[in-house]
Amino acid sequence: MDGAAGLTALLDSVNAEDTEGFLDAFTDDAVVDDDGQFYQGLLQIAEWNTRRVIGLHVRLRPVPAPGGGLLVEVRAAGTVERSRVTAHWRLDRVEHLEVRAVPAE
């Protein structure tokens, strides 16, 4: 699986609230950097997922990103925000996921 297909699968698992599929997308020692808050390993990523992702019933939609990369529209609890998502892969799993909020235009 290439990076684009992997990120699409990751977004799809969030939108389907498929926690098992979401966690299966990461290596056992993966790191998530969510705006400077770090979560390492599947246990911490699972806790982050419960507090900040699937646990909040977020919905993600990729949107065109100026300058390349992946920009996602994040909908949760009536709010809409945008984040830039960058993933580094080891084989077919995410080794490092970086999420950065994008200021409103």
PDB file of N, CA and C in Angstrom:
ATOM      1  N   MET A   1       0.856  -1.172   0.000  1.00  0.00           N
ATOM      2  CA  MET A   1       0.000   0.000   0.000  1.00  0.00           C
ATOM      3  C   MET A   1       0.900   1.232   0.000  1.00  0.00           C
ATOM      4  N   ASP A   2       0.597   2.190  -0.881  1.00  0.00           N
ATOM      5  CA  ASP A   2       1.397   3.409  -0.901  1.00  0.00           C
ATOM      6  C   ASP A   2       0.834   4.407   0.108  1.00  0.00           C
ATOM      7  N   GLY A   3       1.552   5.522   0.268  1.00  0.00           N
ATOM      8  CA  GLY A   3       1.154   6.509   1.266  1.00  0.00           C
ATOM      9  C   GLY A   3      -0.225   7.080   1.042  1.00  0.00           C
ATOM     10  N   ALA A   4      -0.567   7.413  -0.209  1.00  0.00           N
ATOM     11  CA  ALA A   4      -1.880   8.001  -0.491  1.00  0.00           C
ATOM     12  C   ALA A   4      -2.996   7.011  -0.177  1.00  0.00           C
ATOM     13  N   ALA A   5      -2.825   5.766  -0.599  1.00  0.00           N
ATOM     14  CA  ALA A   5      -3.847   4.746  -0.319  1.00  0.00           C
ATOM     15  C   ALA A   5      -3.938   4.472   1.178  1.00  0.00           C
ATOM     16  N   GLY A   6      -2.792   4.477   1.849  1.00  0.00           N
ATOM     17  CA  GLY A   6      -2.784   4.248   3.286  1.00  0.00           C
ATOM     18  C   GLY A   6      -3.485   5.352   4.051  1.00  0.00           C
ATOM     19  N   LEU A   7      -3.244   6.607   3.652  1.00  0.00           N
ATOM     20  CA  LEU A   7      -3.921   7.721   4.322  1.00  0.00           C
ATOM     21  C   LEU A   7      -5.416   7.697   4.046  1.00  0.00           C
ATOM     22  N   THR A   8      -5.798   7.328   2.839  1.00  0.00           N
ATOM     23  CA  THR A   8      -7.226   7.208   2.526  1.00  0.00           C
ATOM     24  C   THR A   8      -7.861   6.143   3.411  1.00  0.00           C
ATOM     25  N   ALA A   9      -7.185   5.010   3.564  1.00  0.00           N
ATOM     26  CA  ALA A   9      -7.704   3.939   4.426  1.00  0.00           C
ATOM     27  C   ALA A   9      -7.794   4.399   5.875  1.00  0.00           C
ATOM     28  N   LEU A  10      -6.813   5.178   6.320  1.00  0.00           N
ATOM     29  CA  LEU A  10      -6.834   5.699   7.688  1.00  0.00           C
ATOM     30  C   LEU A  10      -8.013   6.647   7.886  1.00  0.00           C
ATOM     31  N   LEU A  11      -8.233   7.559   6.938  1.00  0.00           N
ATOM     32  CA  LEU A  11      -9.380   8.468   7.016  1.00  0.00           C
ATOM     33  C   LEU A  11     -10.684   7.687   7.001  1.00  0.00           C
ATOM     34  N   ASP A  12     -10.765   6.686   6.137  1.00  0.00           N
ATOM     35  CA  ASP A  12     -11.980   5.867   6.052  1.00  0.00           C
ATOM     36  C   ASP A  12     -12.266   5.162   7.375  1.00  0.00           C
ATOM     37  N   SER A  13     -11.215   4.677   8.048  1.00  0.00           N
ATOM     38  CA  SER A  13     -11.439   3.986   9.325  1.00  0.00           C
ATOM     39  C   SER A  13     -11.958   4.954  10.381  1.00  0.00           C
ATOM     40  N   VAL A  14     -11.487   6.197  10.364  1.00  0.00           N
ATOM     41  CA  VAL A  14     -11.998   7.199  11.306  1.00  0.00           C
ATOM     42  C   VAL A  14     -13.470   7.472  11.009  1.00  0.00           C
ATOM     43  N   ASN A  15     -13.784   7.712   9.749  1.00  0.00           N
ATOM     44  CA  ASN A  15     -15.163   8.036   9.384  1.00  0.00           C
ATOM     45  C   ASN A  15     -16.127   6.891   9.668  1.00  0.00           C
ATOM     46  N   ALA A  16     -15.644   5.659   9.605  1.00  0.00           N
ATOM     47  CA  ALA A  16     -16.479   4.488   9.899  1.00  0.00           C
ATOM     48  C   ALA A  16     -16.471   4.154  11.392  1.00  0.00           C
ATOM     49  N   GLU A  17     -15.709   4.943  12.174  1.00  0.00           N
ATOM     50  CA  GLU A  17     -15.529   4.676  13.604  1.00  0.00           C
ATOM     51  C   GLU A  17     -15.041   3.248  13.840  1.00  0.00           C
ATOM     52  N   ASP A  18     -14.102   2.849  13.005  1.00  0.00           N
ATOM     53  CA  ASP A  18     -13.498   1.511  13.053  1.00  0.00           C
ATOM     54  C   ASP A  18     -12.179   1.601  13.816  1.00  0.00           C
ATOM     55  N   THR A  19     -12.265   1.509  15.131  1.00  0.00           N
ATOM     56  CA  THR A  19     -11.084   1.645  15.978  1.00  0.00           C
ATOM     57  C   THR A  19     -10.049   0.581  15.655  1.00  0.00           C
ATOM     58  N   GLU A  20     -10.476  -0.648  15.457  1.00  0.00           N
ATOM     59  CA  GLU A  20      -9.534  -1.727  15.156  1.00  0.00           C
ATOM     60  C   GLU A  20      -8.784  -1.435  13.852  1.00  0.00           C
ATOM     61  N   GLY A  21      -9.496  -1.025  12.828  1.00  0.00           N
ATOM     62  CA  GLY A  21      -8.858  -0.686  11.559  1.00  0.00           C
ATOM     63  C   GLY A  21      -7.931   0.506  11.695  1.00  0.00           C
ATOM     64  N   PHE A  22      -8.347   1.490  12.484  1.00  0.00           N
ATOM     65  CA  PHE A  22      -7.522   2.671  12.721  1.00  0.00           C
ATOM     66  C   PHE A  22      -6.200   2.267  13.360  1.00  0.00           C
ATOM     67  N   LEU A  23      -6.260   1.517  14.449  1.00  0.00           N
ATOM     68  CA  LEU A  23      -5.042   1.128  15.159  1.00  0.00           C
ATOM     69  C   LEU A  23      -4.185   0.186  14.332  1.00  0.00           C
ATOM     70  N   ASP A  24      -4.821  -0.625  13.509  1.00  0.00           N
ATOM     71  CA  ASP A  24      -4.084  -1.563  12.667  1.00  0.00           C
ATOM     72  C   ASP A  24      -3.253  -0.833  11.611  1.00  0.00           C
ATOM     73  N   ALA A  25      -3.541   0.425  11.357  1.00  0.00           N
ATOM     74  CA  ALA A  25      -2.796   1.204  10.370  1.00  0.00           C
ATOM     75  C   ALA A  25      -1.425   1.639  10.886  1.00  0.00           C
ATOM     76  N   PHE A  26      -1.177   1.493  12.204  1.00  0.00           N
ATOM     77  CA  PHE A  26       0.063   1.968  12.823  1.00  0.00           C
ATOM     78  C   PHE A  26       1.000   0.825  13.166  1.00  0.00           C
ATOM     79  N   THR A  27       2.313   1.110  13.134  1.00  0.00           N
ATOM     80  CA  THR A  27       3.285   0.155  13.652  1.00  0.00           C
ATOM     81  C   THR A  27       3.139   0.100  15.169  1.00  0.00           C
ATOM     82  N   ASP A  28       3.663  -0.954  15.776  1.00  0.00           N
ATOM     83  CA  ASP A  28       3.557  -1.092  17.231  1.00  0.00           C
ATOM     84  C   ASP A  28       4.242   0.049  17.984  1.00  0.00           C
ATOM     85  N   ASP A  29       5.297   0.610  17.393  1.00  0.00           N
ATOM     86  CA  ASP A  29       6.057   1.668  18.061  1.00  0.00           C
ATOM     87  C   ASP A  29       5.821   3.037  17.420  1.00  0.00           C
ATOM     88  N   ALA A  30       4.718   3.200  16.740  1.00  0.00           N
ATOM     89  CA  ALA A  30       4.412   4.450  16.036  1.00  0.00           C
ATOM     90  C   ALA A  30       4.351   5.634  16.999  1.00  0.00           C
ATOM     91  N   VAL A  31       4.537   6.820  16.423  1.00  0.00           N
ATOM     92  CA  VAL A  31       4.432   8.069  17.175  1.00  0.00           C
ATOM     93  C   VAL A  31       3.422   8.958  16.467  1.00  0.00           C
ATOM     94  N   VAL A  32       2.509   9.540  17.247  1.00  0.00           N
ATOM     95  CA  VAL A  32       1.595  10.557  16.741  1.00  0.00           C
ATOM     96  C   VAL A  32       1.993  11.870  17.399  1.00  0.00           C
ATOM     97  N   ASP A  33       2.185  12.880  16.566  1.00  0.00           N
ATOM     98  CA  ASP A  33       2.484  14.232  17.037  1.00  0.00           C
ATOM     99  C   ASP A  33       1.276  15.082  16.659  1.00  0.00           C
ATOM    100  N   ASP A  34       0.425  15.357  17.630  1.00  0.00           N
ATOM    101  CA  ASP A  34      -0.794  16.136  17.409  1.00  0.00           C
ATOM    102  C   ASP A  34      -0.560  17.544  17.954  1.00  0.00           C
ATOM    103  N   ASP A  35      -0.112  18.424  17.078  1.00  0.00           N
ATOM    104  CA  ASP A  35       0.196  19.815  17.461  1.00  0.00           C
ATOM    105  C   ASP A  35       1.123  19.886  18.674  1.00  0.00           C
ATOM    106  N   GLY A  36       2.165  19.059  18.658  1.00  0.00           N
ATOM    107  CA  GLY A  36       3.163  19.098  19.713  1.00  0.00           C
ATOM    108  C   GLY A  36       2.899  18.192  20.900  1.00  0.00           C
ATOM    109  N   GLN A  37       1.753  17.535  20.924  1.00  0.00           N
ATOM    110  CA  GLN A  37       1.471  16.536  21.958  1.00  0.00           C
ATOM    111  C   GLN A  37       1.825  15.175  21.364  1.00  0.00           C
ATOM    112  N   PHE A  38       2.720  14.441  22.018  1.00  0.00           N
ATOM    113  CA  PHE A  38       3.226  13.196  21.470  1.00  0.00           C
ATOM    114  C   PHE A  38       2.596  11.985  22.140  1.00  0.00           C
ATOM    115  N   TYR A  39       2.284  10.989  21.308  1.00  0.00           N
ATOM    116  CA  TYR A  39       1.714   9.724  21.762  1.00  0.00           C
ATOM    117  C   TYR A  39       2.523   8.630  21.081  1.00  0.00           C
ATOM    118  N   GLN A  40       3.138   7.759  21.883  1.00  0.00           N
ATOM    119  CA  GLN A  40       3.989   6.721  21.309  1.00  0.00           C
ATOM    120  C   GLN A  40       3.483   5.347  21.686  1.00  0.00           C
ATOM    121  N   GLY A  41       3.451   4.480  20.691  1.00  0.00           N
ATOM    122  CA  GLY A  41       3.010   3.105  20.893  1.00  0.00           C
ATOM    123  C   GLY A  41       1.499   3.003  20.788  1.00  0.00           C
ATOM    124  N   LEU A  42       1.040   1.793  20.541  1.00  0.00           N
ATOM    125  CA  LEU A  42      -0.384   1.588  20.285  1.00  0.00           C
ATOM    126  C   LEU A  42      -1.272   1.920  21.476  1.00  0.00           C
ATOM    127  N   LEU A  43      -0.798   1.709  22.689  1.00  0.00           N
ATOM    128  CA  LEU A  43      -1.624   2.018  23.859  1.00  0.00           C
ATOM    129  C   LEU A  43      -1.898   3.524  23.943  1.00  0.00           C
ATOM    130  N   GLN A  44      -0.857   4.344  23.813  1.00  0.00           N
ATOM    131  CA  GLN A  44      -1.063   5.788  23.873  1.00  0.00           C
ATOM    132  C   GLN A  44      -1.847   6.294  22.666  1.00  0.00           C
ATOM    133  N   ILE A  45      -1.601   5.706  21.495  1.00  0.00           N
ATOM    134  CA  ILE A  45      -2.350   6.116  20.303  1.00  0.00           C
ATOM    135  C   ILE A  45      -3.817   5.742  20.461  1.00  0.00           C
ATOM    136  N   ALA A  46      -4.104   4.596  21.065  1.00  0.00           N
ATOM    137  CA  ALA A  46      -5.495   4.197  21.319  1.00  0.00           C
ATOM    138  C   ALA A  46      -6.170   5.190  22.268  1.00  0.00           C
ATOM    139  N   GLU A  47      -5.449   5.629  23.291  1.00  0.00           N
ATOM    140  CA  GLU A  47      -6.007   6.611  24.231  1.00  0.00           C
ATOM    141  C   GLU A  47      -6.250   7.950  23.524  1.00  0.00           C
ATOM    142  N   TRP A  48      -5.302   8.382  22.699  1.00  0.00           N
ATOM    143  CA  TRP A  48      -5.469   9.613  21.911  1.00  0.00           C
ATOM    144  C   TRP A  48      -6.679   9.487  21.001  1.00  0.00           C
ATOM    145  N   ASN A  49      -6.810   8.347  20.361  1.00  0.00           N
ATOM    146  CA  ASN A  49      -7.939   8.090  19.477  1.00  0.00           C
ATOM    147  C   ASN A  49      -9.266   8.231  20.230  1.00  0.00           C
ATOM    148  N   THR A  50      -9.332   7.702  21.430  1.00  0.00           N
ATOM    149  CA  THR A  50     -10.559   7.776  22.225  1.00  0.00           C
ATOM    150  C   THR A  50     -10.868   9.212  22.634  1.00  0.00           C
ATOM    151  N   ARG A  51      -9.839   9.972  23.008  1.00  0.00           N
ATOM    152  CA  ARG A  51     -10.044  11.352  23.473  1.00  0.00           C
ATOM    153  C   ARG A  51     -10.211  12.365  22.349  1.00  0.00           C
ATOM    154  N   ARG A  52      -9.522  12.153  21.216  1.00  0.00           N
ATOM    155  CA  ARG A  52      -9.442  13.224  20.221  1.00  0.00           C
ATOM    156  C   ARG A  52      -9.944  12.868  18.818  1.00  0.00           C
ATOM    157  N   VAL A  53     -10.191  11.590  18.570  1.00  0.00           N
ATOM    158  CA  VAL A  53     -10.522  11.211  17.194  1.00  0.00           C
ATOM    159  C   VAL A  53     -11.864  10.485  17.174  1.00  0.00           C
ATOM    160  N   ILE A  54     -11.829   9.165  17.102  1.00  0.00           N
ATOM    161  CA  ILE A  54     -13.072   8.395  16.987  1.00  0.00           C
ATOM    162  C   ILE A  54     -13.969   8.605  18.200  1.00  0.00           C
ATOM    163  N   GLY A  55     -13.379   8.774  19.365  1.00  0.00           N
ATOM    164  CA  GLY A  55     -14.177   9.019  20.571  1.00  0.00           C
ATOM    165  C   GLY A  55     -15.003  10.293  20.502  1.00  0.00           C
ATOM    166  N   LEU A  56     -14.587  11.241  19.664  1.00  0.00           N
ATOM    167  CA  LEU A  56     -15.342  12.485  19.474  1.00  0.00           C
ATOM    168  C   LEU A  56     -16.241  12.423  18.243  1.00  0.00           C
ATOM    169  N   HIS A  57     -16.280  11.259  17.605  1.00  0.00           N
ATOM    170  CA  HIS A  57     -17.115  11.050  16.410  1.00  0.00           C
ATOM    171  C   HIS A  57     -16.758  12.031  15.301  1.00  0.00           C
ATOM    172  N   VAL A  58     -15.453  12.305  15.146  1.00  0.00           N
ATOM    173  CA  VAL A  58     -15.043  13.232  14.090  1.00  0.00           C
ATOM    174  C   VAL A  58     -15.278  12.617  12.723  1.00  0.00           C
ATOM    175  N   ARG A  59     -15.431  13.480  11.757  1.00  0.00           N
ATOM    176  CA  ARG A  59     -15.521  13.082  10.359  1.00  0.00           C
ATOM    177  C   ARG A  59     -14.444  13.848   9.625  1.00  0.00           C
ATOM    178  N   LEU A  60     -13.712  13.142   8.775  1.00  0.00           N
ATOM    179  CA  LEU A  60     -12.596  13.722   8.059  1.00  0.00           C
ATOM    180  C   LEU A  60     -12.871  13.720   6.564  1.00  0.00           C
ATOM    181  N   ARG A  61     -12.473  14.809   5.912  1.00  0.00           N
ATOM    182  CA  ARG A  61     -12.638  14.900   4.466  1.00  0.00           C
ATOM    183  C   ARG A  61     -11.386  15.555   3.889  1.00  0.00           C
ATOM    184  N   PRO A  62     -10.715  14.860   2.952  1.00  0.00           N
ATOM    185  CA  PRO A  62      -9.554  15.493   2.328  1.00  0.00           C
ATOM    186  C   PRO A  62      -9.986  16.687   1.479  1.00  0.00           C
ATOM    187  N   VAL A  63      -9.197  17.735   1.503  1.00  0.00           N
ATOM    188  CA  VAL A  63      -9.475  18.933   0.701  1.00  0.00           C
ATOM    189  C   VAL A  63      -8.187  19.316  -0.027  1.00  0.00           C
ATOM    190  N   PRO A  64      -8.293  20.038  -1.145  1.00  0.00           N
ATOM    191  CA  PRO A  64      -7.089  20.453  -1.873  1.00  0.00           C
ATOM    192  C   PRO A  64      -6.159  21.266  -0.975  1.00  0.00           C
ATOM    193  N   ALA A  65      -4.876  20.955  -1.060  1.00  0.00           N
ATOM    194  CA  ALA A  65      -3.888  21.627  -0.220  1.00  0.00           C
ATOM    195  C   ALA A  65      -2.941  22.435  -1.086  1.00  0.00           C
ATOM    196  N   PRO A  66      -2.890  23.737  -0.874  1.00  0.00           N
ATOM    197  CA  PRO A  66      -1.906  24.531  -1.602  1.00  0.00           C
ATOM    198  C   PRO A  66      -0.500  24.050  -1.244  1.00  0.00           C
ATOM    199  N   GLY A  67       0.332  23.856  -2.222  1.00  0.00           N
ATOM    200  CA  GLY A  67       1.704  23.430  -1.953  1.00  0.00           C
ATOM    201  C   GLY A  67       1.864  21.946  -1.746  1.00  0.00           C
ATOM    202  N   GLY A  68       0.816  21.161  -1.970  1.00  0.00           N
ATOM    203  CA  GLY A  68       0.914  19.710  -1.831  1.00  0.00           C
ATOM    204  C   GLY A  68       0.636  19.230  -0.424  1.00  0.00           C
ATOM    205  N   GLY A  69       0.782  17.952  -0.207  1.00  0.00           N
ATOM    206  CA  GLY A  69       0.497  17.340   1.082  1.00  0.00           C
ATOM    207  C   GLY A  69      -0.987  17.058   1.231  1.00  0.00           C
ATOM    208  N   LEU A  70      -1.373  16.651   2.391  1.00  0.00           N
ATOM    209  CA  LEU A  70      -2.773  16.330   2.655  1.00  0.00           C
ATOM    210  C   LEU A  70      -3.334  17.307   3.666  1.00  0.00           C
ATOM    211  N   LEU A  71      -4.422  17.909   3.286  1.00  0.00           N
ATOM    212  CA  LEU A  71      -5.154  18.794   4.176  1.00  0.00           C
ATOM    213  C   LEU A  71      -6.499  18.122   4.414  1.00  0.00           C
ATOM    214  N   VAL A  72      -6.929  18.029   5.664  1.00  0.00           N
ATOM    215  CA  VAL A  72      -8.216  17.404   5.953  1.00  0.00           C
ATOM    216  C   VAL A  72      -9.116  18.391   6.671  1.00  0.00           C
ATOM    217  N   GLU A  73     -10.372  18.311   6.318  1.00  0.00           N
ATOM    218  CA  GLU A  73     -11.399  19.064   7.027  1.00  0.00           C
ATOM    219  C   GLU A  73     -11.872  18.165   8.157  1.00  0.00           C
ATOM    220  N   VAL A  74     -11.858  18.691   9.370  1.00  0.00           N
ATOM    221  CA  VAL A  74     -12.213  17.929  10.566  1.00  0.00           C
ATOM    222  C   VAL A  74     -13.522  18.474  11.103  1.00  0.00           C
ATOM    223  N   ARG A  75     -14.538  17.628  11.145  1.00  0.00           N
ATOM    224  CA  ARG A  75     -15.834  18.022  11.690  1.00  0.00           C
ATOM    225  C   ARG A  75     -16.074  17.249  12.988  1.00  0.00           C
ATOM    226  N   ALA A  76     -16.344  18.005  14.054  1.00  0.00           N
ATOM    227  CA  ALA A  76     -16.630  17.385  15.347  1.00  0.00           C
ATOM    228  C   ALA A  76     -17.457  18.345  16.178  1.00  0.00           C
ATOM    229  N   ALA A  77     -18.482  17.816  16.792  1.00  0.00           N
ATOM    230  CA  ALA A  77     -19.310  18.591  17.717  1.00  0.00           C
ATOM    231  C   ALA A  77     -19.718  19.940  17.144  1.00  0.00           C
ATOM    232  N   GLY A  78     -20.104  19.950  15.873  1.00  0.00           N
ATOM    233  CA  GLY A  78     -20.604  21.167  15.261  1.00  0.00           C
ATOM    234  C   GLY A  78     -19.543  22.141  14.784  1.00  0.00           C
ATOM    235  N   THR A  79     -18.278  21.822  14.970  1.00  0.00           N
ATOM    236  CA  THR A  79     -17.207  22.698  14.504  1.00  0.00           C
ATOM    237  C   THR A  79     -16.550  22.119  13.262  1.00  0.00           C
ATOM    238  N   VAL A  80     -15.954  22.982  12.484  1.00  0.00           N
ATOM    239  CA  VAL A  80     -15.197  22.558  11.308  1.00  0.00           C
ATOM    240  C   VAL A  80     -13.836  23.226  11.377  1.00  0.00           C
ATOM    241  N   GLU A  81     -12.794  22.428  11.347  1.00  0.00           N
ATOM    242  CA  GLU A  81     -11.425  22.924  11.368  1.00  0.00           C
ATOM    243  C   GLU A  81     -10.658  22.226  10.259  1.00  0.00           C
ATOM    244  N   ARG A  82      -9.472  22.708   9.992  1.00  0.00           N
ATOM    245  CA  ARG A  82      -8.610  22.051   9.020  1.00  0.00           C
ATOM    246  C   ARG A  82      -7.283  21.728   9.676  1.00  0.00           C
ATOM    247  N   SER A  83      -6.742  20.591   9.272  1.00  0.00           N
ATOM    248  CA  SER A  83      -5.434  20.158   9.765  1.00  0.00           C
ATOM    249  C   SER A  83      -4.615  19.635   8.598  1.00  0.00           C
ATOM    250  N   ARG A  84      -3.313  19.864   8.666  1.00  0.00           N
ATOM    251  CA  ARG A  84      -2.395  19.258   7.707  1.00  0.00           C
ATOM    252  C   ARG A  84      -1.904  17.966   8.339  1.00  0.00           C
ATOM    253  N   VAL A  85      -1.991  16.888   7.588  1.00  0.00           N
ATOM    254  CA  VAL A  85      -1.612  15.564   8.084  1.00  0.00           C
ATOM    255  C   VAL A  85      -0.445  15.055   7.242  1.00  0.00           C
ATOM    256  N   THR A  86       0.621  14.652   7.913  1.00  0.00           N
ATOM    257  CA  THR A  86       1.783  14.082   7.255  1.00  0.00           C
ATOM    258  C   THR A  86       2.062  12.731   7.892  1.00  0.00           C
ATOM    259  N   ALA A  87       2.256  11.726   7.058  1.00  0.00           N
ATOM    260  CA  ALA A  87       2.539  10.388   7.577  1.00  0.00           C
ATOM    261  C   ALA A  87       3.843   9.870   7.001  1.00  0.00           C
ATOM    262  N   HIS A  88       4.607   9.207   7.835  1.00  0.00           N
ATOM    263  CA  HIS A  88       5.823   8.514   7.415  1.00  0.00           C
ATOM    264  C   HIS A  88       5.543   7.027   7.600  1.00  0.00           C
ATOM    265  N   TRP A  89       5.927   6.256   6.616  1.00  0.00           N
ATOM    266  CA  TRP A  89       5.524   4.853   6.559  1.00  0.00           C
ATOM    267  C   TRP A  89       6.702   3.915   6.763  1.00  0.00           C
ATOM    268  N   ARG A  90       6.439   2.796   7.383  1.00  0.00           N
ATOM    269  CA  ARG A  90       7.361   1.658   7.432  1.00  0.00           C
ATOM    270  C   ARG A  90       6.574   0.498   6.843  1.00  0.00           C
ATOM    271  N   LEU A  91       7.023   0.065   5.698  1.00  0.00           N
ATOM    272  CA  LEU A  91       6.291  -0.933   4.916  1.00  0.00           C
ATOM    273  C   LEU A  91       4.895  -0.386   4.645  1.00  0.00           C
ATOM    274  N   ASP A  92       3.860  -1.011   5.161  1.00  0.00           N
ATOM    275  CA  ASP A  92       2.499  -0.547   4.853  1.00  0.00           C
ATOM    276  C   ASP A  92       1.774   0.015   6.065  1.00  0.00           C
ATOM    277  N   ARG A  93       2.542   0.446   7.073  1.00  0.00           N
ATOM    278  CA  ARG A  93       1.922   1.001   8.281  1.00  0.00           C
ATOM    279  C   ARG A  93       2.535   2.357   8.631  1.00  0.00           C
ATOM    280  N   VAL A  94       1.752   3.154   9.332  1.00  0.00           N
ATOM    281  CA  VAL A  94       2.218   4.486   9.737  1.00  0.00           C
ATOM    282  C   VAL A  94       3.212   4.337  10.884  1.00  0.00           C
ATOM    283  N   GLU A  95       4.382   4.936  10.690  1.00  0.00           N
ATOM    284  CA  GLU A  95       5.417   4.938  11.718  1.00  0.00           C
ATOM    285  C   GLU A  95       5.394   6.255  12.502  1.00  0.00           C
ATOM    286  N   HIS A  96       5.031   7.333  11.802  1.00  0.00           N
ATOM    287  CA  HIS A  96       4.973   8.647  12.434  1.00  0.00           C
ATOM    288  C   HIS A  96       3.869   9.447  11.758  1.00  0.00           C
ATOM    289  N   LEU A  97       2.935   9.946  12.555  1.00  0.00           N
ATOM    290  CA  LEU A  97       1.829  10.758  12.038  1.00  0.00           C
ATOM    291  C   LEU A  97       1.915  12.131  12.682  1.00  0.00           C
ATOM    292  N   GLU A  98       1.946  13.148  11.841  1.00  0.00           N
ATOM    293  CA  GLU A  98       2.008  14.516  12.340  1.00  0.00           C
ATOM    294  C   GLU A  98       0.710  15.227  11.935  1.00  0.00           C
ATOM    295  N   VAL A  99       0.066  15.861  12.903  1.00  0.00           N
ATOM    296  CA  VAL A  99      -1.170  16.600  12.681  1.00  0.00           C
ATOM    297  C   VAL A  99      -0.934  18.028  13.139  1.00  0.00           C
ATOM    298  N   ARG A 100      -1.178  18.974  12.234  1.00  0.00           N
ATOM    299  CA  ARG A 100      -0.996  20.385  12.543  1.00  0.00           C
ATOM    300  C   ARG A 100      -2.253  21.156  12.186  1.00  0.00           C
ATOM    301  N   ALA A 101      -2.788  21.887  13.133  1.00  0.00           N
ATOM    302  CA  ALA A 101      -3.958  22.723  12.858  1.00  0.00           C
ATOM    303  C   ALA A 101      -3.574  23.793  11.846  1.00  0.00           C
ATOM    304  N   VAL A 102      -4.486  24.094  10.959  1.00  0.00           N
ATOM    305  CA  VAL A 102      -4.294  25.143   9.960  1.00  0.00           C
ATOM    306  C   VAL A 102      -5.163  26.320  10.382  1.00  0.00           C
ATOM    307  N   PRO A 103      -4.564  27.501  10.537  1.00  0.00           N
ATOM    308  CA  PRO A 103      -5.364  28.660  10.956  1.00  0.00           C
ATOM    309  C   PRO A 103      -6.505  28.937   9.975  1.00  0.00           C
ATOM    310  N   ALA A 104      -7.612  29.394  10.495  1.00  0.00           N
ATOM    311  CA  ALA A 104      -8.758  29.752   9.656  1.00  0.00           C
ATOM    312  C   ALA A 104      -8.368  30.893   8.744  1.00  0.00           C
ATOM    313  N   GLU A 105      -8.926  30.856   7.544  1.00  0.00           N
ATOM    314  CA  GLU A 105      -8.616  31.909   6.562  1.00  0.00           C
ATOM    315  C   GLU A 105      -9.440  33.132   6.799  1.00  0.00           C
TER     316      GLU A 105
END
